[in-house]
């Protein structure tokens, strides 16, 4: 399930690893065009309390460059 893989990659969000590249690939593959859509998928698998700021930064970086 690509949505679950996206959620896992967003939760790890390791810079210097392949996570960002994988997240960007999955966002495109799933035709996710807004931060709200990505957040909805993430929140369907993980509670908001477990989501770290680095996940939001990764999504902000992606959507800022893909407008």
Protein backbone atom coordinates (compact mmCIF):
# COMPACT_ATOMS: atom_id res chain seq x y z
CA UNK A 1 0.00 0.00 0.00
CA UNK A 2 1.79 3.17 -1.18
CA UNK A 3 -0.11 5.38 1.27
CA UNK A 4 1.31 3.47 4.23
CA UNK A 5 4.81 3.59 2.76
CA UNK A 6 4.44 7.36 2.35
CA UNK A 7 3.33 7.71 5.96
CA UNK A 8 6.30 5.65 7.19
CA UNK A 9 8.78 7.64 5.10
CA UNK A 10 7.27 10.91 6.34
CA UNK A 11 7.58 9.74 9.94
CA UNK A 12 11.25 8.87 9.55
CA UNK A 13 12.08 11.91 7.36
CA UNK A 14 15.83 11.32 7.65
CA UNK A 15 17.84 13.99 5.86
CA UNK A 16 20.94 12.67 4.19
CA UNK A 17 19.14 9.40 3.57
CA UNK A 18 16.86 8.49 0.70
CA UNK A 19 13.67 9.34 2.62
CA UNK A 20 13.09 12.75 1.01
CA UNK A 21 13.57 11.32 -2.47
CA UNK A 22 11.18 8.47 -1.68
CA UNK A 23 8.60 10.86 -0.21
CA UNK A 24 8.74 13.07 -3.30
CA UNK A 25 8.35 10.02 -5.57
CA UNK A 26 5.35 8.73 -3.60
CA UNK A 27 3.67 12.15 -3.50
CA UNK A 28 3.88 12.29 -7.30
CA UNK A 29 2.78 8.66 -7.76
CA UNK A 30 -0.26 9.21 -5.52
CA UNK A 31 -1.07 12.52 -7.27
CA UNK A 32 -0.95 14.42 -3.99
CA UNK A 33 -0.90 18.12 -4.75
CA UNK A 34 -1.45 19.75 -1.37
CA UNK A 35 -0.02 19.56 2.09
CA UNK A 36 -3.54 18.88 3.37
CA UNK A 37 -3.84 15.73 1.25
CA UNK A 38 -0.45 14.46 2.46
CA UNK A 39 -1.35 15.26 6.08
CA UNK A 40 -4.65 13.40 5.78
CA UNK A 41 -2.83 10.24 4.68
CA UNK A 42 -0.25 10.62 7.43
CA UNK A 43 -2.91 11.12 10.10
CA UNK A 44 -4.79 8.06 8.92
CA UNK A 45 -1.84 5.94 10.13
CA UNK A 46 -0.22 7.95 12.95
CA UNK A 47 -1.58 10.13 15.76
CA UNK A 48 -0.74 13.80 15.57
CA UNK A 49 1.24 13.59 18.84
CA UNK A 50 3.83 11.34 17.19
CA UNK A 51 4.48 13.58 14.18
CA UNK A 52 7.72 15.53 14.51
CA UNK A 53 8.42 18.99 13.05
CA UNK A 54 10.90 17.49 10.56
CA UNK A 55 7.95 15.83 8.79
CA UNK A 56 6.20 19.16 8.32
CA UNK A 57 9.45 20.75 7.11
CA UNK A 58 9.91 18.02 4.52
CA UNK A 59 6.38 18.52 3.21
CA UNK A 60 6.73 22.32 3.20
CA UNK A 61 9.95 22.02 1.24
CA UNK A 62 8.32 19.77 -1.34
CA UNK A 63 5.19 21.86 -1.84
CA UNK A 64 7.10 25.16 -1.91
CA UNK A 65 9.11 23.85 -4.86
CA UNK A 66 6.17 22.28 -6.70
CA UNK A 67 3.67 25.08 -7.10
